[in-house]
Amino acid sequence: MTHIPSRIADVAELEELLSDPTPGVIATMSKLLGDIVVLGAGGKMGPTLARMAKRASVQAGSSRRVIAVSRFTQGKLRHDLEQAGVETISCDLLDPGSLKELPEAENIVFMAGMKFGASNNAALTWAMNVDLPAMVCRRYAGSRFVAFSTGNVYPLAPVTSGGSLETDDPGPVGEYAMSCLGRERVFEHYAAMHNNPVSIIRLSYAVEMRYGVLLDTALKVFRGEPVDLNMGNMMAIWQGDANAQSLQAFEHASTTPNIINITGPELLSVKQVAIRFASIFGKPVTYHGEERGIALLSCTQKAQKLFGYPTVTIDRVMELTADWVSRGGTTLNKPTHFETTDGKF
């Protein structure tokens, strides 16, 4: 298991841990040929994924370039990535001229997209989640892709089902989920047209101290706010493990896109998670809404077979999250709205 300290002191230590490559990532980077471009690298997960790719490449003895592409509205983020050996390019990906000027690369991580605000700006949502992937596939015809999608393309599943499988029929609800399925179809189309290998990552609930479903629940308990039970169950994975599994997915890309669910393997009860945080904080917990017996759940048997079990347990992440919240640690102030059941984000 990854060594995680009993307390994460600050953001710098957190990001170091989130970008610490596992042996599996190092092995992948030792076999992978060519540079890596990470498109949409300025989001919640992109910076640590790019850093992990670079650190793993160095440890594997590779001199490959890892290039992070984003608008980079925060100068500090760009500086921090460059200090870690990741090259950065500021780019509006929707601008065809800017996209054309990006460097060639054999390997592309596609992380760009739009979720929050999707219901209020459906046109931009479809442009980012469907049109942009088509532009990128044409720009990087023949490259190997790891393309991020979401577990939201599945319908809500009974909590007794074990979660949706990659082979299950999609059932997206709302503009965001439908456009993400559209993104997948675009990658599928261009994989066949250009004969380029693709892994599609259906990610659900990657968490760390500053963001995620565990932080959302912990903050509500700490602040004395009621915990919503409308989505009574969830699954979550330490973001460092999500980074590692996603990068290892390069090895499993295929011209018929290989879809992989990535999240934690445990079915978590929102009520029990809240009770755990209440116990740590020494605070009462209240609820609103009712558990419905269905939730957004993904089965991770395939990911476990490919990558093994996550290296950091979700119980450990809860302990670290509670400590972070109780000390007033920095957050991204971006609630996940995971309790949403109507697909409106």
Protein backbone atom coordinates (compact mmCIF):
# COMPACT_ATOMS: atom_id res chain seq x y z
CA MET A 1 0.00 0.00 0.00
CA THR A 2 1.03 3.59 -0.64
CA HIS A 3 2.56 5.19 2.43
CA ILE A 4 0.18 7.87 3.62
CA PRO A 5 1.13 9.82 6.76
CA SER A 6 -1.24 10.10 9.70
CA ARG A 7 -1.68 13.79 8.88
CA ILE A 8 -1.22 15.69 5.63
CA ALA A 9 0.34 18.97 6.65
CA ASP A 10 -0.51 21.24 3.74
CA VAL A 11 -1.40 21.50 0.05
CA ALA A 12 2.20 20.96 -1.04
CA GLU A 13 2.40 17.62 0.77
CA LEU A 14 -1.06 16.65 -0.49
CA GLU A 15 -0.12 17.25 -4.11
CA GLU A 16 3.14 15.36 -3.63
CA LEU A 17 1.16 12.35 -2.40
CA LEU A 18 -1.47 12.59 -5.14
CA SER A 19 1.24 12.57 -7.81
CA ASP A 20 3.38 9.81 -6.27
CA PRO A 21 3.55 7.10 -8.98
CA THR A 22 2.78 3.50 -8.13
CA PRO A 23 5.02 0.70 -9.41
CA GLY A 24 2.35 -0.04 -12.01
CA VAL A 25 2.54 3.48 -13.45
CA ILE A 26 6.33 3.36 -13.55
CA ALA A 27 6.16 0.04 -15.40
CA THR A 28 3.68 1.52 -17.89
CA MET A 29 5.86 4.58 -18.49
CA SER A 30 8.89 2.34 -19.06
CA LYS A 31 7.08 0.61 -21.94
CA LEU A 32 5.14 3.52 -23.41
CA LEU A 33 6.77 5.19 -26.41
CA GLY A 34 6.58 8.91 -27.09
CA ASP A 35 5.53 12.12 -25.38
CA ILE A 36 2.31 12.73 -23.45
CA VAL A 37 0.01 15.72 -23.91
CA VAL A 38 -2.62 16.25 -21.20
CA LEU A 39 -5.51 18.28 -22.61
CA GLY A 40 -7.61 20.07 -20.01
CA ALA A 41 -4.87 19.73 -17.40
CA GLY A 42 -5.97 22.69 -15.29
CA GLY A 43 -8.91 21.00 -13.58
CA LYS A 44 -9.22 19.22 -10.26
CA MET A 45 -7.35 16.07 -11.29
CA GLY A 46 -5.22 17.15 -14.23
CA PRO A 47 -2.30 18.80 -12.40
CA THR A 48 -1.49 15.80 -10.21
CA LEU A 49 -2.02 13.35 -13.08
CA ALA A 50 0.44 15.31 -15.24
CA ARG A 51 2.95 15.42 -12.39
CA MET A 52 2.56 11.68 -11.81
CA ALA A 53 3.18 10.98 -15.50
CA LYS A 54 6.37 13.02 -15.38
CA ARG A 55 7.62 11.54 -12.10
CA ALA A 56 6.92 8.00 -13.30
CA SER A 57 8.68 8.69 -16.60
CA VAL A 58 11.79 9.98 -14.81
CA GLN A 59 11.81 6.97 -12.48
CA ALA A 60 11.42 4.71 -15.51
CA GLY A 61 14.48 6.32 -17.11
CA SER A 62 12.49 8.03 -19.86
CA SER A 63 13.20 11.56 -21.07
CA ARG A 64 9.72 11.98 -22.55
CA ARG A 65 8.02 15.34 -22.50
CA VAL A 66 4.84 15.64 -20.48
CA ILE A 67 2.94 18.69 -21.69
CA ALA A 68 -0.03 20.11 -19.78
CA VAL A 69 -2.48 22.15 -21.86
CA SER A 70 -5.12 24.40 -20.31
CA ARG A 71 -6.25 28.01 -20.25
CA PHE A 72 -4.18 28.34 -17.04
CA THR A 73 -6.05 31.23 -15.51
CA GLN A 74 -4.06 30.64 -12.30
CA GLY A 75 -0.42 31.59 -12.74
CA LYS A 76 0.69 29.65 -9.66
CA LEU A 77 -0.60 26.37 -11.07
CA ARG A 78 1.41 26.81 -14.23
CA HIS A 79 4.52 27.72 -12.23
CA ASP A 80 4.11 24.69 -9.95
CA LEU A 81 3.76 22.31 -12.89
CA GLU A 82 6.85 23.69 -14.58
CA GLN A 83 8.78 23.38 -11.32
CA ALA A 84 7.81 19.70 -11.36
CA GLY A 85 9.23 19.26 -14.86
CA VAL A 86 5.88 19.39 -16.70
CA GLU A 87 5.83 21.69 -19.71
CA THR A 88 2.79 23.95 -19.96
CA ILE A 89 0.91 25.56 -22.85
CA SER A 90 -1.91 28.05 -22.44
CA CYS A 91 -4.57 27.29 -25.02
CA ASP A 92 -8.27 27.73 -25.74
CA LEU A 93 -8.91 24.25 -27.08
CA LEU A 94 -12.10 25.30 -28.84
CA ASP A 95 -10.06 27.61 -31.07
CA PRO A 96 -9.05 25.52 -34.13
CA GLY A 97 -5.97 27.65 -34.78
CA SER A 98 -4.66 27.23 -31.24
CA LEU A 99 -5.39 23.51 -31.29
CA LYS A 100 -3.48 23.12 -34.54
CA GLU A 101 -0.40 24.78 -33.03
CA LEU A 102 -0.09 22.25 -30.19
CA PRO A 103 2.94 19.95 -30.40
CA GLU A 104 2.74 16.48 -31.86
CA ALA A 105 2.51 13.64 -29.36
CA GLU A 106 2.03 9.90 -29.52
CA ASN A 107 -0.05 9.81 -26.35
CA ILE A 108 -2.98 12.05 -25.40
CA VAL A 109 -4.86 12.29 -22.11
CA PHE A 110 -8.18 13.98 -22.83
CA MET A 111 -9.59 15.58 -19.65
CA ALA A 112 -11.31 18.68 -21.04
CA GLY A 113 -15.04 18.99 -20.52
CA MET A 114 -17.89 20.83 -18.85
CA LYS A 115 -20.13 19.62 -16.03
CA PHE A 116 -21.17 22.33 -13.61
CA GLY A 117 -23.45 24.84 -15.26
CA ALA A 118 -24.33 22.31 -17.95
CA SER A 119 -28.08 22.73 -17.46
CA ASN A 120 -27.85 26.51 -17.80
CA ASN A 121 -25.60 26.47 -20.86
CA ALA A 122 -26.42 23.36 -22.80
CA ALA A 123 -24.90 24.64 -26.04
CA LEU A 124 -21.45 25.18 -24.51
CA THR A 125 -21.74 21.84 -22.71
CA TRP A 126 -22.23 20.00 -26.01
CA ALA A 127 -19.49 22.02 -27.68
CA MET A 128 -16.99 21.11 -24.93
CA ASN A 129 -18.08 17.52 -24.45
CA VAL A 130 -18.79 16.48 -28.06
CA ASP A 131 -17.49 18.97 -30.61
CA LEU A 132 -14.10 19.44 -28.93
CA PRO A 133 -13.35 15.68 -28.78
CA ALA A 134 -14.02 15.50 -32.53
CA MET A 135 -11.63 18.39 -33.13
CA VAL A 136 -8.98 16.73 -30.96
CA CYS A 137 -9.40 13.33 -32.64
CA ARG A 138 -8.85 14.94 -36.03
CA ARG A 139 -5.86 16.94 -34.75
CA TYR A 140 -4.21 13.88 -33.19
CA ALA A 141 -5.25 11.22 -35.70
CA GLY A 142 -3.23 8.08 -35.02
CA SER A 143 -2.28 8.95 -31.42
CA ARG A 144 -3.05 6.75 -28.45
CA PHE A 145 -5.78 8.17 -26.18
CA VAL A 146 -6.87 7.90 -22.60
CA ALA A 147 -10.18 9.78 -22.70
CA PHE A 148 -12.06 10.68 -19.56
CA SER A 149 -15.79 10.09 -19.34
CA THR A 150 -18.03 9.63 -16.32
CA GLY A 151 -20.12 7.06 -14.51
CA ASN A 152 -23.04 9.44 -15.08
CA VAL A 153 -23.61 7.77 -18.46
CA TYR A 154 -25.14 4.88 -16.51
CA PRO A 155 -28.66 4.90 -15.08
CA LEU A 156 -29.20 4.77 -11.34
CA ALA A 157 -28.77 1.16 -10.22
CA PRO A 158 -30.20 -0.82 -7.29
CA VAL A 159 -27.73 -0.83 -4.41
CA THR A 160 -28.00 -4.63 -4.39
CA SER A 161 -26.81 -4.88 -8.00
CA GLY A 162 -23.08 -4.41 -7.43
CA GLY A 163 -23.07 -1.44 -9.82
CA SER A 164 -23.15 -0.97 -13.57
CA LEU A 165 -20.76 -2.93 -15.77
CA GLU A 166 -18.92 -1.52 -18.76
CA THR A 167 -21.00 -3.81 -20.97
CA ASP A 168 -24.32 -2.52 -19.64
CA ASP A 169 -26.45 -0.27 -21.82
CA PRO A 170 -25.97 3.41 -21.00
CA GLY A 171 -28.87 5.40 -19.60
CA PRO A 172 -27.73 9.01 -19.32
CA VAL A 173 -30.03 11.51 -17.63
CA GLY A 174 -29.66 15.23 -18.33
CA GLU A 175 -27.60 17.35 -20.71
CA TYR A 176 -24.27 16.64 -19.00
CA ALA A 177 -24.58 12.85 -19.00
CA MET A 178 -25.99 12.72 -22.53
CA SER A 179 -23.16 14.89 -23.86
CA CYS A 180 -20.59 12.68 -22.14
CA LEU A 181 -22.02 9.64 -23.89
CA GLY A 182 -21.74 11.71 -27.05
CA ARG A 183 -18.06 12.23 -26.27
CA GLU A 184 -17.57 8.48 -26.00
CA ARG A 185 -19.26 7.91 -29.34
CA VAL A 186 -17.00 10.48 -30.98
CA PHE A 187 -13.89 8.68 -29.72
CA GLU A 188 -15.35 5.38 -30.87
CA HIS A 189 -15.99 6.81 -34.35
CA TYR A 190 -12.53 8.28 -34.81
CA ALA A 191 -10.80 5.23 -33.33
CA ALA A 192 -12.30 3.23 -36.17
CA MET A 193 -11.62 5.93 -38.77
CA HIS A 194 -7.98 6.56 -37.82
CA ASN A 195 -7.15 3.15 -36.33
CA ASN A 196 -5.96 4.81 -33.11
CA PRO A 197 -6.15 2.99 -29.75
CA VAL A 198 -8.40 4.43 -27.03
CA SER A 199 -9.18 3.72 -23.41
CA ILE A 200 -12.32 5.44 -22.11
CA ILE A 201 -12.29 6.10 -18.37
CA ARG A 202 -15.71 6.18 -16.77
CA LEU A 203 -14.61 7.90 -13.58
CA SER A 204 -16.77 8.28 -10.50
CA TYR A 205 -15.89 10.28 -7.43
CA ALA A 206 -12.13 10.70 -7.25
CA VAL A 207 -11.52 12.34 -3.86
CA GLU A 208 -8.83 14.22 -2.02
CA MET A 209 -8.72 16.62 0.91
CA ARG A 210 -9.86 19.70 -1.05
CA TYR A 211 -12.64 18.20 -3.13
CA GLY A 212 -15.00 15.28 -3.44
CA VAL A 213 -17.99 13.45 -2.05
CA LEU A 214 -16.28 12.69 1.26
CA LEU A 215 -15.33 16.33 1.78
CA ASP A 216 -18.90 17.42 0.95
CA THR A 217 -20.27 15.10 3.62
CA ALA A 218 -17.61 15.98 6.19
CA LEU A 219 -18.22 19.72 5.78
CA LYS A 220 -21.97 19.32 6.27
CA VAL A 221 -21.47 17.36 9.47
CA PHE A 222 -18.80 19.77 10.75
CA ARG A 223 -21.01 22.80 10.04
CA GLY A 224 -24.13 21.23 11.52
CA GLU A 225 -25.92 21.11 8.16
CA PRO A 226 -28.25 18.23 7.28
CA VAL A 227 -26.84 15.48 5.09
CA ASP A 228 -28.90 14.72 1.97
CA LEU A 229 -29.91 11.06 1.68
CA ASN A 230 -31.62 11.24 -1.72
CA MET A 231 -28.49 9.58 -3.13
CA GLY A 232 -28.09 7.23 -0.21
CA ASN A 233 -25.01 5.37 -1.43
CA MET A 234 -21.80 6.25 -3.23
CA MET A 235 -18.42 4.91 -4.27
CA ALA A 236 -15.17 6.87 -4.10
CA ILE A 237 -11.47 6.46 -4.85
CA TRP A 238 -8.36 8.30 -3.65
CA GLN A 239 -7.37 10.63 -6.47
CA GLY A 240 -3.82 9.31 -6.47
CA ASP A 241 -5.16 5.84 -7.27
CA ALA A 242 -7.46 7.29 -9.95
CA ASN A 243 -4.45 9.01 -11.51
CA ALA A 244 -2.43 5.81 -11.43
CA GLN A 245 -5.12 3.61 -12.93
CA SER A 246 -5.88 6.15 -15.65
CA LEU A 247 -2.25 6.38 -16.74
CA GLN A 248 -1.91 2.61 -16.76
CA ALA A 249 -4.91 2.53 -19.10
CA PHE A 250 -2.57 3.59 -21.93
CA GLU A 251 -1.40 -0.03 -22.01
CA HIS A 252 -4.93 -1.30 -22.49
CA ALA A 253 -6.08 1.08 -25.22
CA SER A 254 -7.57 -0.56 -28.31
CA THR A 255 -9.05 0.48 -31.64
CA THR A 256 -12.38 -0.74 -30.34
CA PRO A 257 -12.30 1.63 -27.34
CA ASN A 258 -11.68 -0.14 -24.06
CA ILE A 259 -14.15 1.21 -21.49
CA ILE A 260 -12.97 1.01 -17.88
CA ASN A 261 -14.92 1.96 -14.75
CA ILE A 262 -12.67 3.66 -12.23
CA THR A 263 -13.89 4.29 -8.70
CA GLY A 264 -13.56 2.65 -5.31
CA PRO A 265 -14.69 -0.97 -4.97
CA GLU A 266 -16.71 -0.47 -1.77
CA LEU A 267 -20.38 0.47 -1.62
CA LEU A 268 -20.53 3.31 0.89
CA SER A 269 -23.63 4.32 2.81
CA VAL A 270 -23.92 8.12 2.93
CA LYS A 271 -25.59 7.82 6.33
CA GLN A 272 -22.78 5.66 7.73
CA VAL A 273 -20.12 7.97 6.28
CA ALA A 274 -21.84 10.90 8.01
CA ILE A 275 -22.01 8.98 11.27
CA ARG A 276 -18.28 8.24 11.03
CA PHE A 277 -17.46 11.91 10.54
CA ALA A 278 -19.80 12.88 13.39
CA SER A 279 -17.99 10.46 15.67
CA ILE A 280 -14.59 11.91 14.77
CA PHE A 281 -15.77 15.51 15.12
CA GLY A 282 -17.77 14.85 18.29
CA LYS A 283 -20.80 16.48 16.66
CA PRO A 284 -24.39 15.40 16.05
CA VAL A 285 -25.58 14.60 12.54
CA THR A 286 -28.95 15.32 10.95
CA TYR A 287 -30.40 14.27 7.61
CA HIS A 288 -32.99 15.27 5.05
CA GLY A 289 -34.45 13.23 2.25
CA GLU A 290 -34.80 9.47 2.20
CA GLU A 291 -32.68 6.63 0.87
CA ARG A 292 -34.24 5.29 -2.30
CA GLY A 293 -32.40 2.00 -2.72
CA ILE A 294 -30.85 3.17 -6.02
CA ALA A 295 -27.71 5.17 -6.68
CA LEU A 296 -25.08 5.99 -9.29
CA LEU A 297 -22.86 2.94 -8.91
CA SER A 298 -20.13 1.40 -11.07
CA CYS A 299 -18.72 -2.11 -10.77
CA THR A 300 -14.89 -2.04 -10.75
CA GLN A 301 -14.08 -5.73 -11.23
CA LYS A 302 -12.46 -4.99 -14.59
CA ALA A 303 -10.26 -2.22 -13.15
CA GLN A 304 -9.21 -4.44 -10.26
CA LYS A 305 -8.22 -7.19 -12.70
CA LEU A 306 -6.17 -4.74 -14.78
CA PHE A 307 -4.65 -2.56 -12.06
CA GLY A 308 -5.15 -4.29 -8.73
CA TYR A 309 -6.91 -2.96 -5.64
CA PRO A 310 -6.58 0.75 -4.80
CA THR A 311 -3.52 1.37 -2.66
CA VAL A 312 -5.21 3.78 -0.22
CA THR A 313 -8.30 2.60 1.63
CA ILE A 314 -11.37 4.78 1.72
CA ASP A 315 -11.39 4.47 5.52
CA ARG A 316 -7.95 6.08 5.59
CA VAL A 317 -9.15 8.85 3.28
CA MET A 318 -12.07 9.56 5.64
CA GLU A 319 -9.69 9.92 8.58
CA LEU A 320 -7.47 12.31 6.64
CA THR A 321 -10.47 14.28 5.40
CA ALA A 322 -11.82 14.70 8.92
CA ASP A 323 -8.42 15.90 10.15
CA TRP A 324 -8.14 18.34 7.23
CA VAL A 325 -11.62 19.77 7.84
CA SER A 326 -11.13 20.09 11.59
CA ARG A 327 -7.95 22.13 10.99
CA GLY A 328 -9.66 24.44 8.50
CA GLY A 329 -7.66 23.12 5.55
CA THR A 330 -7.95 24.74 2.13
CA THR A 331 -10.75 23.50 -0.13
CA LEU A 332 -11.58 24.21 -3.76
CA ASN A 333 -15.05 25.36 -2.67
CA LYS A 334 -16.62 23.30 -5.45
CA PRO A 335 -19.38 21.02 -4.13
CA THR A 336 -19.82 17.89 -6.23
CA HIS A 337 -23.64 17.87 -6.02
CA PHE A 338 -23.36 14.08 -5.98
CA GLU A 339 -26.80 13.91 -4.35
CA THR A 340 -28.33 15.12 -7.63
CA THR A 341 -30.67 12.51 -9.11
CA ASP A 342 -32.21 14.43 -12.02
CA GLY A 343 -29.02 14.94 -14.02
CA LYS A 344 -29.08 18.74 -13.64
CA PHE A 345 -25.67 20.10 -12.67
